[in-house]
Amino acid sequence: MLVKETLDQFAGMTGGRSYPSGGTKTAIPDAQQAIHLSYTVAYQPIPKSWDGKYHKVKVSCTRKGIQLQFEQGYMAAAPVDETTALMQVAATGNSDLSAIGLRATVTPGATPHTVRIQLRIDPSNLTIVQQNGRYAGQLAALYAGLTSEGAKQLAKPANLTLDWTAQQYDSVAKDGIPVAEDLPVPEGVRQVRIVIVDTRSNQVGSLTVPVS
């Protein structure tokens, strides 16, 4: 009985199912089928709910005959802000990161030794929260000039607050999130690395573009 209770408890913590001894033949096909029938739902607790305690979660479905498997709760430990560290690692890395899709065009700036970067961010891998008919997210952006001596920050890191109507969300889902930035190009800078961090999921995307 104790073993079964432990298995049930572990399954509830991970959103899985428990099987009795000898149930491997059933468990493996069930797991393979579940891969094709799973959905990811993001839940963002309100700030005052980060109290370090265990909170139960309940998911229901209005459609009859549906069996739901989900994590039964979570520990409300306040998330650690790793944005600065993630941006620094991405800016100084040997290659670009692709967790967030980025594309950009570079044109000469309005004044000498400057460029204008027009960026498009793919929202498909971002944590976008739908609430009260609007779609919200939070990003951080860093622009670093790459030189023979390493990366140099070209502007202060910027916070990008996403707040769209359903129509606006449909537009950016199709065309990408537009961001434009005018940057100085100091002596020795031949490339600019653009770093975008989704501060809600710590996903990182970076793109290196040539400048003249």
N, C-alpha and C. Protein backbone atom coordinates (compact mmCIF):
# COMPACT_ATOMS: atom_id res chain seq x y z
N MET A 1 0.83 -1.21 0.00
CA MET A 1 0.00 0.00 0.00
C MET A 1 0.87 1.26 0.00
N LEU A 2 1.97 1.23 0.78
CA LEU A 2 2.85 2.40 0.84
C LEU A 2 3.51 2.67 -0.50
N VAL A 3 3.88 1.58 -1.21
CA VAL A 3 4.50 1.74 -2.53
C VAL A 3 3.52 2.38 -3.50
N LYS A 4 2.27 1.93 -3.50
CA LYS A 4 1.26 2.50 -4.39
C LYS A 4 1.02 3.97 -4.09
N GLU A 5 0.96 4.32 -2.81
CA GLU A 5 0.75 5.73 -2.45
C GLU A 5 1.92 6.59 -2.92
N THR A 6 3.12 6.06 -2.81
CA THR A 6 4.31 6.80 -3.26
C THR A 6 4.27 7.00 -4.76
N LEU A 7 3.91 5.94 -5.50
CA LEU A 7 3.82 6.05 -6.96
C LEU A 7 2.74 7.04 -7.37
N ASP A 8 1.60 6.99 -6.71
CA ASP A 8 0.51 7.92 -7.02
C ASP A 8 0.93 9.36 -6.74
N GLN A 9 1.65 9.55 -5.64
CA GLN A 9 2.10 10.89 -5.29
C GLN A 9 3.10 11.42 -6.31
N PHE A 10 4.03 10.59 -6.72
CA PHE A 10 5.03 11.00 -7.71
C PHE A 10 4.37 11.30 -9.05
N ALA A 11 3.41 10.46 -9.44
CA ALA A 11 2.70 10.68 -10.71
C ALA A 11 1.95 12.01 -10.67
N GLY A 12 1.34 12.33 -9.54
CA GLY A 12 0.62 13.59 -9.41
C GLY A 12 1.52 14.80 -9.50
N MET A 13 2.77 14.65 -9.02
CA MET A 13 3.73 15.76 -9.05
C MET A 13 4.26 16.01 -10.46
N THR A 14 4.24 14.99 -11.32
CA THR A 14 4.83 15.10 -12.65
C THR A 14 3.80 15.12 -13.77
N GLY A 15 2.51 14.96 -13.42
CA GLY A 15 1.49 14.94 -14.46
C GLY A 15 1.40 13.62 -15.20
N GLY A 16 1.91 12.55 -14.59
CA GLY A 16 1.89 11.25 -15.23
C GLY A 16 0.88 10.31 -14.61
N ARG A 17 1.06 9.01 -14.89
CA ARG A 17 0.18 7.98 -14.33
C ARG A 17 1.04 6.95 -13.61
N SER A 18 0.47 6.33 -12.61
CA SER A 18 1.17 5.25 -11.91
C SER A 18 0.64 3.90 -12.37
N TYR A 19 1.53 2.90 -12.39
CA TYR A 19 1.15 1.56 -12.82
C TYR A 19 1.58 0.56 -11.75
N PRO A 20 0.79 -0.45 -11.53
CA PRO A 20 1.18 -1.47 -10.54
C PRO A 20 2.35 -2.30 -11.05
N SER A 21 2.90 -3.11 -10.20
CA SER A 21 4.00 -3.99 -10.58
C SER A 21 3.60 -4.86 -11.76
N GLY A 22 4.48 -4.91 -12.78
CA GLY A 22 4.18 -5.70 -13.98
C GLY A 22 3.41 -4.93 -15.03
N GLY A 23 3.24 -3.63 -14.81
CA GLY A 23 2.44 -2.83 -15.76
C GLY A 23 3.24 -2.19 -16.87
N THR A 24 4.49 -2.62 -17.07
CA THR A 24 5.35 -2.01 -18.09
C THR A 24 4.77 -2.14 -19.49
N LYS A 25 4.18 -3.30 -19.79
CA LYS A 25 3.62 -3.52 -21.13
C LYS A 25 2.53 -2.52 -21.46
N THR A 26 1.82 -2.06 -20.47
CA THR A 26 0.77 -1.06 -20.68
C THR A 26 1.33 0.35 -20.63
N ALA A 27 2.30 0.58 -19.77
CA ALA A 27 2.83 1.92 -19.55
C ALA A 27 3.51 2.48 -20.79
N ILE A 28 4.30 1.66 -21.47
CA ILE A 28 5.06 2.15 -22.64
C ILE A 28 4.13 2.57 -23.77
N PRO A 29 3.16 1.74 -24.20
CA PRO A 29 2.23 2.21 -25.25
C PRO A 29 1.44 3.45 -24.83
N ASP A 30 1.05 3.51 -23.55
CA ASP A 30 0.31 4.68 -23.07
C ASP A 30 1.17 5.94 -23.18
N ALA A 31 2.45 5.82 -22.82
CA ALA A 31 3.34 6.98 -22.89
C ALA A 31 3.55 7.43 -24.34
N GLN A 32 3.68 6.49 -25.26
CA GLN A 32 3.85 6.83 -26.67
C GLN A 32 2.61 7.54 -27.22
N GLN A 33 1.45 7.06 -26.80
CA GLN A 33 0.21 7.69 -27.26
C GLN A 33 0.05 9.08 -26.66
N ALA A 34 0.46 9.25 -25.40
CA ALA A 34 0.31 10.53 -24.73
C ALA A 34 1.13 11.63 -25.38
N ILE A 35 2.24 11.26 -26.02
CA ILE A 35 3.08 12.25 -26.70
C ILE A 35 2.27 13.01 -27.75
N HIS A 36 1.35 12.32 -28.41
CA HIS A 36 0.56 12.93 -29.49
C HIS A 36 -0.73 13.57 -28.97
N LEU A 37 -0.99 13.46 -27.69
CA LEU A 37 -2.24 13.99 -27.15
C LEU A 37 -1.99 14.96 -26.00
N SER A 38 -0.83 15.59 -25.99
CA SER A 38 -0.48 16.47 -24.87
C SER A 38 -0.52 17.93 -25.29
N TYR A 39 -0.81 18.79 -24.33
CA TYR A 39 -0.84 20.23 -24.53
C TYR A 39 -0.04 20.89 -23.41
N THR A 40 0.53 22.04 -23.73
CA THR A 40 1.26 22.81 -22.73
C THR A 40 0.44 24.04 -22.36
N VAL A 41 0.16 24.20 -21.08
CA VAL A 41 -0.60 25.34 -20.59
C VAL A 41 0.28 26.10 -19.59
N ALA A 42 0.46 27.39 -19.80
CA ALA A 42 1.27 28.21 -18.90
C ALA A 42 0.38 28.87 -17.86
N TYR A 43 0.85 28.86 -16.62
CA TYR A 43 0.12 29.49 -15.53
C TYR A 43 1.06 30.42 -14.80
N GLN A 44 0.69 31.69 -14.69
CA GLN A 44 1.52 32.69 -14.02
C GLN A 44 0.83 33.14 -12.74
N PRO A 45 1.30 32.71 -11.56
CA PRO A 45 0.67 33.15 -10.31
C PRO A 45 0.84 34.65 -10.11
N ILE A 46 -0.09 35.25 -9.38
CA ILE A 46 0.04 36.67 -9.07
C ILE A 46 1.21 36.86 -8.10
N PRO A 47 1.84 38.05 -8.08
CA PRO A 47 3.05 38.25 -7.28
C PRO A 47 2.93 37.84 -5.82
N LYS A 48 1.81 38.12 -5.17
CA LYS A 48 1.70 37.83 -3.74
C LYS A 48 1.55 36.33 -3.46
N SER A 49 1.39 35.52 -4.51
CA SER A 49 1.26 34.09 -4.33
C SER A 49 2.61 33.37 -4.21
N TRP A 50 3.71 34.08 -4.46
CA TRP A 50 5.03 33.46 -4.32
C TRP A 50 5.39 33.40 -2.83
N ASP A 51 4.80 32.44 -2.13
CA ASP A 51 4.96 32.38 -0.67
C ASP A 51 5.78 31.17 -0.21
N GLY A 52 6.37 30.45 -1.16
CA GLY A 52 7.18 29.30 -0.80
C GLY A 52 6.40 28.08 -0.35
N LYS A 53 5.09 28.09 -0.50
CA LYS A 53 4.25 26.99 -0.05
C LYS A 53 3.77 26.15 -1.24
N TYR A 54 3.22 25.00 -0.93
CA TYR A 54 2.67 24.12 -1.96
C TYR A 54 1.23 24.53 -2.26
N HIS A 55 0.92 24.69 -3.54
CA HIS A 55 -0.43 25.07 -3.96
C HIS A 55 -0.96 24.00 -4.91
N LYS A 56 -2.20 23.59 -4.70
CA LYS A 56 -2.82 22.61 -5.57
C LYS A 56 -3.31 23.27 -6.86
N VAL A 57 -3.36 22.47 -7.92
CA VAL A 57 -3.84 22.93 -9.22
C VAL A 57 -4.93 21.98 -9.69
N LYS A 58 -6.00 22.54 -10.24
CA LYS A 58 -7.08 21.73 -10.77
C LYS A 58 -7.37 22.14 -12.21
N VAL A 59 -7.44 21.17 -13.10
CA VAL A 59 -7.75 21.42 -14.51
C VAL A 59 -9.01 20.63 -14.85
N SER A 60 -9.96 21.28 -15.48
CA SER A 60 -11.21 20.61 -15.84
C SER A 60 -11.50 20.81 -17.32
N CYS A 61 -12.36 19.98 -17.86
CA CYS A 61 -12.74 20.06 -19.27
C CYS A 61 -14.25 19.88 -19.38
N THR A 62 -14.89 20.72 -20.15
CA THR A 62 -16.35 20.65 -20.31
C THR A 62 -16.78 19.53 -21.25
N ARG A 63 -15.86 19.00 -22.00
CA ARG A 63 -16.19 17.93 -22.94
C ARG A 63 -16.25 16.59 -22.20
N LYS A 64 -17.30 15.84 -22.42
CA LYS A 64 -17.49 14.57 -21.73
C LYS A 64 -16.54 13.51 -22.30
N GLY A 65 -16.15 12.59 -21.44
CA GLY A 65 -15.32 11.46 -21.86
C GLY A 65 -13.84 11.76 -21.94
N ILE A 66 -13.42 12.94 -21.52
CA ILE A 66 -12.01 13.32 -21.57
C ILE A 66 -11.35 13.02 -20.22
N GLN A 67 -10.24 12.29 -20.24
CA GLN A 67 -9.47 12.03 -19.04
C GLN A 67 -8.24 12.93 -19.03
N LEU A 68 -8.07 13.70 -18.00
CA LEU A 68 -6.98 14.67 -17.91
C LEU A 68 -5.88 14.18 -16.98
N GLN A 69 -4.64 14.35 -17.42
CA GLN A 69 -3.47 14.10 -16.58
C GLN A 69 -2.69 15.41 -16.49
N PHE A 70 -2.40 15.85 -15.29
CA PHE A 70 -1.70 17.12 -15.12
C PHE A 70 -1.03 17.12 -13.75
N GLU A 71 -0.08 18.00 -13.58
CA GLU A 71 0.58 18.14 -12.28
C GLU A 71 -0.45 18.63 -11.26
N GLN A 72 -0.46 18.00 -10.12
CA GLN A 72 -1.48 18.29 -9.11
C GLN A 72 -1.20 19.56 -8.31
N GLY A 73 -0.02 20.12 -8.44
CA GLY A 73 0.31 21.33 -7.69
C GLY A 73 1.73 21.78 -7.96
N TYR A 74 2.16 22.82 -7.28
CA TYR A 74 3.51 23.37 -7.48
C TYR A 74 3.97 24.05 -6.19
N MET A 75 5.29 24.13 -6.05
CA MET A 75 5.87 24.88 -4.96
C MET A 75 6.05 26.33 -5.41
N ALA A 76 5.45 27.26 -4.69
CA ALA A 76 5.45 28.67 -5.11
C ALA A 76 6.71 29.38 -4.64
N ALA A 77 7.86 28.87 -5.12
CA ALA A 77 9.14 29.53 -4.83
C ALA A 77 9.34 30.65 -5.84
N ALA A 78 9.64 31.83 -5.37
CA ALA A 78 9.78 32.98 -6.26
C ALA A 78 10.86 32.72 -7.30
N PRO A 79 10.58 32.99 -8.58
CA PRO A 79 11.57 32.74 -9.63
C PRO A 79 12.77 33.67 -9.48
N VAL A 80 13.92 33.16 -9.86
CA VAL A 80 15.16 33.94 -9.81
C VAL A 80 15.34 34.66 -11.15
N ASP A 81 15.61 35.95 -11.08
CA ASP A 81 15.82 36.73 -12.30
C ASP A 81 17.24 36.48 -12.81
N GLU A 82 17.33 35.72 -13.89
CA GLU A 82 18.63 35.39 -14.48
C GLU A 82 18.88 36.15 -15.78
N THR A 83 18.10 37.19 -16.02
CA THR A 83 18.16 37.90 -17.30
C THR A 83 19.55 38.43 -17.60
N THR A 84 20.16 39.13 -16.64
CA THR A 84 21.47 39.74 -16.87
C THR A 84 22.52 38.69 -17.21
N ALA A 85 22.55 37.61 -16.45
CA ALA A 85 23.53 36.56 -16.71
C ALA A 85 23.30 35.91 -18.07
N LEU A 86 22.04 35.67 -18.43
CA LEU A 86 21.73 35.06 -19.72
C LEU A 86 22.16 35.95 -20.88
N MET A 87 21.94 37.25 -20.75
CA MET A 87 22.34 38.18 -21.81
C MET A 87 23.85 38.22 -21.96
N GLN A 88 24.57 38.22 -20.86
CA GLN A 88 26.02 38.26 -20.92
C GLN A 88 26.60 37.01 -21.57
N VAL A 89 26.05 35.85 -21.22
CA VAL A 89 26.52 34.60 -21.81
C VAL A 89 26.24 34.58 -23.31
N ALA A 90 25.04 35.01 -23.70
CA ALA A 90 24.69 35.01 -25.12
C ALA A 90 25.53 36.01 -25.91
N ALA A 91 25.82 37.17 -25.31
CA ALA A 91 26.59 38.20 -26.00
C ALA A 91 28.03 37.80 -26.25
N THR A 92 28.59 36.99 -25.37
CA THR A 92 30.00 36.62 -25.47
C THR A 92 30.23 35.21 -26.00
N GLY A 93 29.16 34.50 -26.32
CA GLY A 93 29.29 33.13 -26.80
C GLY A 93 29.93 33.05 -28.18
N ASN A 94 30.33 31.83 -28.55
CA ASN A 94 30.99 31.63 -29.85
C ASN A 94 30.01 31.56 -31.01
N SER A 95 28.73 31.33 -30.72
CA SER A 95 27.74 31.21 -31.78
C SER A 95 26.40 31.73 -31.30
N ASP A 96 25.49 31.92 -32.24
CA ASP A 96 24.16 32.44 -31.92
C ASP A 96 23.28 31.33 -31.33
N LEU A 97 22.26 31.76 -30.59
CA LEU A 97 21.30 30.85 -29.96
C LEU A 97 19.97 30.96 -30.69
N SER A 98 19.30 29.83 -30.88
CA SER A 98 18.13 29.79 -31.75
C SER A 98 16.82 29.52 -31.02
N ALA A 99 16.80 29.56 -29.69
CA ALA A 99 15.57 29.26 -28.97
C ALA A 99 14.46 30.26 -29.29
N ILE A 100 14.85 31.51 -29.61
CA ILE A 100 13.90 32.54 -30.07
C ILE A 100 14.33 32.95 -31.47
N GLY A 101 13.43 32.83 -32.43
CA GLY A 101 13.78 33.17 -33.80
C GLY A 101 13.90 34.67 -34.02
N LEU A 102 14.99 35.09 -34.66
CA LEU A 102 15.24 36.50 -34.93
C LEU A 102 15.67 36.69 -36.38
N ARG A 103 15.24 37.79 -36.97
CA ARG A 103 15.77 38.22 -38.26
C ARG A 103 15.88 39.73 -38.24
N ALA A 104 16.85 40.27 -38.99
CA ALA A 104 17.10 41.71 -38.90
C ALA A 104 17.66 42.25 -40.20
N THR A 105 17.42 43.53 -40.42
CA THR A 105 18.05 44.26 -41.51
C THR A 105 18.81 45.43 -40.90
N VAL A 106 19.96 45.76 -41.53
CA VAL A 106 20.82 46.83 -41.02
C VAL A 106 20.99 47.88 -42.10
N THR A 107 20.75 49.14 -41.75
CA THR A 107 20.93 50.26 -42.67
C THR A 107 21.75 51.34 -41.97
N PRO A 108 22.40 52.21 -42.75
CA PRO A 108 23.17 53.30 -42.13
C PRO A 108 22.27 54.20 -41.28
N GLY A 109 22.81 54.68 -40.17
CA GLY A 109 22.06 55.56 -39.30
C GLY A 109 21.98 56.97 -39.84
N ALA A 110 21.26 57.83 -39.14
CA ALA A 110 21.08 59.22 -39.58
C ALA A 110 22.34 60.05 -39.41
N THR A 111 23.25 59.61 -38.54
CA THR A 111 24.50 60.34 -38.30
C THR A 111 25.67 59.40 -38.54
N PRO A 112 26.87 59.95 -38.76
CA PRO A 112 28.04 59.09 -38.99
C PRO A 112 28.30 58.13 -37.82
N HIS A 113 28.85 56.98 -38.16
CA HIS A 113 29.23 55.96 -37.17
C HIS A 113 28.02 55.45 -36.37
N THR A 114 26.87 55.38 -37.03
CA THR A 114 25.68 54.80 -36.41
C THR A 114 24.99 53.88 -37.43
N VAL A 115 24.20 52.95 -36.91
CA VAL A 115 23.39 52.07 -37.76
C VAL A 115 21.98 52.00 -37.20
N ARG A 116 21.06 51.64 -38.05
CA ARG A 116 19.68 51.40 -37.62
C ARG A 116 19.39 49.93 -37.87
N ILE A 117 19.01 49.24 -36.80
CA ILE A 117 18.69 47.81 -36.88
C ILE A 117 17.18 47.64 -36.73
N GLN A 118 16.58 47.03 -37.74
CA GLN A 118 15.15 46.72 -37.70
C GLN A 118 15.00 45.22 -37.50
N LEU A 119 14.48 44.87 -36.35
CA LEU A 119 14.44 43.48 -35.89
C LEU A 119 13.02 42.94 -35.95
N ARG A 120 12.92 41.66 -36.25
CA ARG A 120 11.64 40.94 -36.16
C ARG A 120 11.84 39.72 -35.27
N ILE A 121 11.02 39.61 -34.23
CA ILE A 121 11.12 38.54 -33.26
C ILE A 121 9.97 37.56 -33.48
N ASP A 122 10.30 36.30 -33.65
CA ASP A 122 9.28 35.26 -33.82
C ASP A 122 8.64 34.97 -32.45
N PRO A 123 7.32 35.18 -32.30
CA PRO A 123 6.69 34.98 -30.99
C PRO A 123 6.32 33.53 -30.68
N SER A 124 6.57 32.61 -31.61
CA SER A 124 6.05 31.25 -31.44
C SER A 124 6.64 30.53 -30.22
N ASN A 125 7.86 30.87 -29.81
CA ASN A 125 8.47 30.21 -28.66
C ASN A 125 8.48 31.09 -27.41
N LEU A 126 7.76 32.19 -27.44
CA LEU A 126 7.70 33.07 -26.28
C LEU A 126 6.57 32.65 -25.34
N THR A 127 6.72 32.99 -24.07
CA THR A 127 5.66 32.74 -23.09
C THR A 127 4.70 33.91 -23.12
N ILE A 128 3.60 33.75 -23.85
CA ILE A 128 2.59 34.78 -23.99
C ILE A 128 1.38 34.37 -23.14
N VAL A 129 0.98 35.24 -22.23
CA VAL A 129 -0.13 34.96 -21.33
C VAL A 129 -1.38 35.66 -21.82
N GLN A 130 -2.45 34.91 -21.96
CA GLN A 130 -3.73 35.48 -22.37
C GLN A 130 -4.58 35.75 -21.14
N GLN A 131 -4.99 36.99 -20.98
CA GLN A 131 -5.80 37.37 -19.82
C GLN A 131 -6.68 38.56 -20.17
N ASN A 132 -7.97 38.43 -19.83
CA ASN A 132 -8.94 39.51 -20.07
C ASN A 132 -8.96 39.97 -21.52
N GLY A 133 -8.83 39.02 -22.42
CA GLY A 133 -8.90 39.34 -23.84
C GLY A 133 -7.65 39.95 -24.43
N ARG A 134 -6.54 40.01 -23.67
CA ARG A 134 -5.30 40.58 -24.17
C ARG A 134 -4.18 39.54 -24.05
N TYR A 135 -3.10 39.78 -24.79
CA TYR A 135 -1.97 38.87 -24.81
C TYR A 135 -0.74 39.63 -24.31
N ALA A 136 -0.06 39.08 -23.29
CA ALA A 136 1.01 39.81 -22.64
C ALA A 136 2.26 38.96 -22.53
N GLY A 137 3.42 39.63 -22.56
CA GLY A 137 4.70 38.97 -22.38
C GLY A 137 5.74 39.98 -21.97
N GLN A 138 6.92 39.52 -21.64
CA GLN A 138 7.99 40.42 -21.21
C GLN A 138 9.33 39.93 -21.76
N LEU A 139 10.00 40.83 -22.48
CA LEU A 139 11.31 40.51 -23.07
C LEU A 139 12.36 41.49 -22.60
N ALA A 140 13.61 41.10 -22.75
CA ALA A 140 14.74 42.00 -22.51
C ALA A 140 15.64 41.93 -23.73
N ALA A 141 16.22 43.06 -24.12
CA ALA A 141 17.04 43.13 -25.33
C ALA A 141 18.41 43.74 -25.01
N LEU A 142 19.44 43.19 -25.65
CA LEU A 142 20.80 43.70 -25.50
C LEU A 142 21.45 43.73 -26.87
N TYR A 143 22.19 44.82 -27.14
CA TYR A 143 22.94 44.95 -28.39
C TYR A 143 24.42 45.08 -28.03
N ALA A 144 25.23 44.16 -28.55
CA ALA A 144 26.66 44.16 -28.24
C ALA A 144 27.46 44.23 -29.53
N GLY A 145 28.46 45.11 -29.54
CA GLY A 145 29.37 45.20 -30.67
C GLY A 145 30.50 44.21 -30.49
N LEU A 146 30.80 43.42 -31.53
CA LEU A 146 31.85 42.41 -31.45
C LEU A 146 33.13 42.97 -32.05
N THR A 147 34.20 42.93 -31.29
CA THR A 147 35.50 43.43 -31.71
C THR A 147 36.55 42.35 -31.49
N SER A 148 37.76 42.61 -31.91
CA SER A 148 38.85 41.65 -31.70
C SER A 148 39.17 41.48 -30.22
N GLU A 149 38.74 42.43 -29.42
CA GLU A 149 39.01 42.38 -27.98
C GLU A 149 37.82 41.84 -27.19
N GLY A 150 36.77 41.46 -27.88
CA GLY A 150 35.60 40.93 -27.20
C GLY A 150 34.36 41.74 -27.48
N ALA A 151 33.28 41.48 -26.71
CA ALA A 151 32.00 42.14 -26.91
C ALA A 151 31.93 43.43 -26.10
N LYS A 152 31.37 44.48 -26.73
CA LYS A 152 31.18 45.76 -26.07
C LYS A 152 29.71 46.15 -26.13
N GLN A 153 29.14 46.49 -25.01
CA GLN A 153 27.74 46.88 -24.95
C GLN A 153 27.55 48.22 -25.66
N LEU A 154 26.62 48.26 -26.62
CA LEU A 154 26.39 49.46 -27.42
C LEU A 154 25.27 50.34 -26.87
N ALA A 155 24.42 49.78 -26.04
CA ALA A 155 23.31 50.54 -25.43
C ALA A 155 22.89 49.81 -24.17
N LYS A 156 22.21 50.52 -23.29
CA LYS A 156 21.72 49.89 -22.07
C LYS A 156 20.70 48.81 -22.41
N PRO A 157 20.69 47.70 -21.68
CA PRO A 157 19.66 46.68 -21.91
C PRO A 157 18.27 47.29 -21.79
N ALA A 158 17.38 46.87 -22.68
CA ALA A 158 16.03 47.43 -22.72
C ALA A 158 15.00 46.37 -22.36
N ASN A 159 13.96 46.78 -21.67
CA ASN A 159 12.83 45.91 -21.37
C ASN A 159 11.73 46.15 -22.40
N LEU A 160 11.22 45.07 -22.97
CA LEU A 160 10.17 45.16 -23.98
C LEU A 160 8.90 44.53 -23.41
N THR A 161 7.91 45.37 -23.12
CA THR A 161 6.64 44.88 -22.59
C THR A 161 5.68 44.62 -23.74
N LEU A 162 5.18 43.39 -23.83
CA LEU A 162 4.25 43.00 -24.88
C LEU A 162 2.83 43.05 -24.33
N ASP A 163 1.97 43.77 -25.01
CA ASP A 163 0.57 43.91 -24.58
C ASP A 163 -0.28 44.14 -25.81
N TRP A 164 -0.97 43.08 -26.26
CA TRP A 164 -1.69 43.14 -27.53
C TRP A 164 -3.16 42.78 -27.37
N THR A 165 -3.95 43.29 -28.30
CA THR A 165 -5.30 42.78 -28.50
C THR A 165 -5.20 41.49 -29.30
N ALA A 166 -6.31 40.78 -29.44
CA ALA A 166 -6.31 39.55 -30.23
C ALA A 166 -5.91 39.83 -31.67
N GLN A 167 -6.37 40.94 -32.22
CA GLN A 167 -6.04 41.29 -33.61
C GLN A 167 -4.55 41.60 -33.75
N GLN A 168 -3.99 42.33 -32.79
CA GLN A 168 -2.56 42.63 -32.84
C GLN A 168 -1.73 41.36 -32.69
N TYR A 169 -2.19 40.46 -31.83
CA TYR A 169 -1.46 39.21 -31.64
C TYR A 169 -1.44 38.39 -32.93
N ASP A 170 -2.56 38.34 -33.62
CA ASP A 170 -2.61 37.62 -34.90
C ASP A 170 -1.62 38.21 -35.90
N SER A 171 -1.47 39.53 -35.87
CA SER A 171 -0.55 40.20 -36.79
C SER A 171 0.90 39.85 -36.50
N VAL A 172 1.31 39.93 -35.22
CA VAL A 172 2.71 39.64 -34.89
C VAL A 172 3.00 38.15 -35.01
N ALA A 173 1.98 37.30 -34.81
CA ALA A 173 2.18 35.87 -34.98
C ALA A 173 2.53 35.55 -36.43
N LYS A 174 2.02 36.35 -37.33
CA LYS A 174 2.28 36.14 -38.76
C LYS A 174 3.57 36.83 -39.21
N ASP A 175 3.77 38.06 -38.81
CA ASP A 175 4.87 38.87 -39.33
C ASP A 175 6.05 39.02 -38.37
N GLY A 176 5.89 38.65 -37.11
CA GLY A 176 6.95 38.85 -36.13
C GLY A 176 6.78 40.16 -35.38
N ILE A 177 7.44 40.26 -34.22
CA ILE A 177 7.36 41.46 -33.40
C ILE A 177 8.39 42.47 -33.89
N PRO A 178 7.97 43.66 -34.33
CA PRO A 178 8.93 44.63 -34.86
C PRO A 178 9.60 45.43 -33.75
N VAL A 179 10.91 45.56 -33.83
CA VAL A 179 11.68 46.37 -32.89
C VAL A 179 12.75 47.11 -33.70
N ALA A 180 12.84 48.41 -33.55
CA ALA A 180 13.85 49.21 -34.25
C ALA A 180 14.77 49.88 -33.24
N GLU A 181 16.06 49.94 -33.55
CA GLU A 181 17.03 50.52 -32.63
C GLU A 181 18.13 51.23 -33.42
N ASP A 182 18.44 52.46 -33.02
CA ASP A 182 19.57 53.21 -33.58
C ASP A 182 20.76 53.06 -32.65
N LEU A 183 21.88 52.61 -33.19
CA LEU A 183 23.03 52.28 -32.36
C LEU A 183 24.30 52.97 -32.85
N PRO A 184 25.18 53.34 -31.93
CA PRO A 184 26.51 53.82 -32.33
C PRO A 184 27.39 52.64 -32.74
N VAL A 185 28.31 52.88 -33.64
CA VAL A 185 29.25 51.85 -34.06
C VAL A 185 30.66 52.36 -33.78
N PRO A 186 31.22 52.06 -32.62
CA PRO A 186 32.56 52.53 -32.27
C PRO A 186 33.63 51.93 -33.18
N GLU A 187 34.80 52.51 -33.15
CA GLU A 187 35.94 52.03 -33.92
C GLU A 187 36.23 50.58 -33.56
N GLY A 188 36.41 49.75 -34.57
CA GLY A 188 36.75 48.35 -34.35
C GLY A 188 35.56 47.40 -34.34
N VAL A 189 34.34 47.93 -34.31
CA VAL A 189 33.15 47.07 -34.31
C VAL A 189 32.78 46.72 -35.76
N ARG A 190 32.77 45.44 -36.08
CA ARG A 190 32.42 44.98 -37.42
C ARG A 190 31.14 44.15 -37.42
N GLN A 191 30.72 43.73 -36.24
CA GLN A 191 29.49 42.95 -36.12
C GLN A 191 28.73 43.39 -34.88
N VAL A 192 27.41 43.25 -34.93
CA VAL A 192 26.56 43.52 -33.76
C VAL A 192 25.79 42.25 -33.45
N ARG A 193 25.84 41.85 -32.19
CA ARG A 193 25.06 40.70 -31.76
C ARG A 193 23.83 41.19 -31.00
N ILE A 194 22.67 40.76 -31.46
CA ILE A 194 21.40 41.10 -30.84
C ILE A 194 20.98 39.95 -29.94
N VAL A 195 20.68 40.24 -28.70
CA VAL A 195 20.28 39.21 -27.74
C VAL A 195 18.89 39.52 -27.21
N ILE A 196 17.99 38.55 -27.29
CA ILE A 196 16.63 38.69 -26.76
C ILE A 196 16.39 37.59 -25.73
N VAL A 197 15.91 37.98 -24.55
CA VAL A 197 15.61 37.03 -23.48
C VAL A 197 14.13 37.13 -23.14
N ASP A 198 13.45 35.98 -23.12
CA ASP A 198 12.08 35.92 -22.61
C ASP A 198 12.20 35.79 -21.09
N THR A 199 11.91 36.85 -20.37
CA THR A 199 12.16 36.86 -18.93
C THR A 199 11.20 35.96 -18.16
N ARG A 200 10.14 35.50 -18.79
CA ARG A 200 9.21 34.60 -18.10
C ARG A 200 9.62 33.14 -18.21
N SER A 201 10.39 32.80 -19.22
CA SER A 201 10.79 31.41 -19.42
C SER A 201 12.30 31.23 -19.44
N ASN A 202 13.05 32.34 -19.51
CA ASN A 202 14.52 32.33 -19.63
C ASN A 202 14.99 31.73 -20.95
N GLN A 203 14.12 31.70 -21.94
CA GLN A 203 14.54 31.32 -23.29
C GLN A 203 15.36 32.47 -23.88
N VAL A 204 16.38 32.12 -24.68
CA VAL A 204 17.28 33.13 -25.23
C VAL A 204 17.44 32.92 -26.73
N GLY A 205 17.40 34.03 -27.47
CA GLY A 205 17.73 34.00 -28.88
C GLY A 205 18.75 35.09 -29.17
N SER A 206 19.67 34.81 -30.09
CA SER A 206 20.66 35.83 -30.46
C SER A 206 20.91 35.76 -31.95
N LEU A 207 21.32 36.88 -32.51
CA LEU A 207 21.58 36.99 -33.94
C LEU A 207 22.73 37.97 -34.14
N THR A 208 23.73 37.56 -34.92
CA THR A 208 24.89 38.41 -35.21
C THR A 208 24.78 38.93 -36.64
N VAL A 209 24.87 40.24 -36.80
CA VAL A 209 24.73 40.86 -38.11
C VAL A 209 25.98 41.72 -38.40
N PRO A 210 26.41 41.78 -39.66
CA PRO A 210 27.57 42.61 -39.99
C PRO A 210 27.18 44.09 -40.06
N VAL A 211 28.10 44.97 -39.70
CA VAL A 211 27.89 46.41 -39.83
C VAL A 211 29.15 47.00 -40.45
N SER A 212 29.00 48.15 -41.09
CA SER A 212 30.14 48.81 -41.72
C SER A 212 30.31 50.18 -41.12
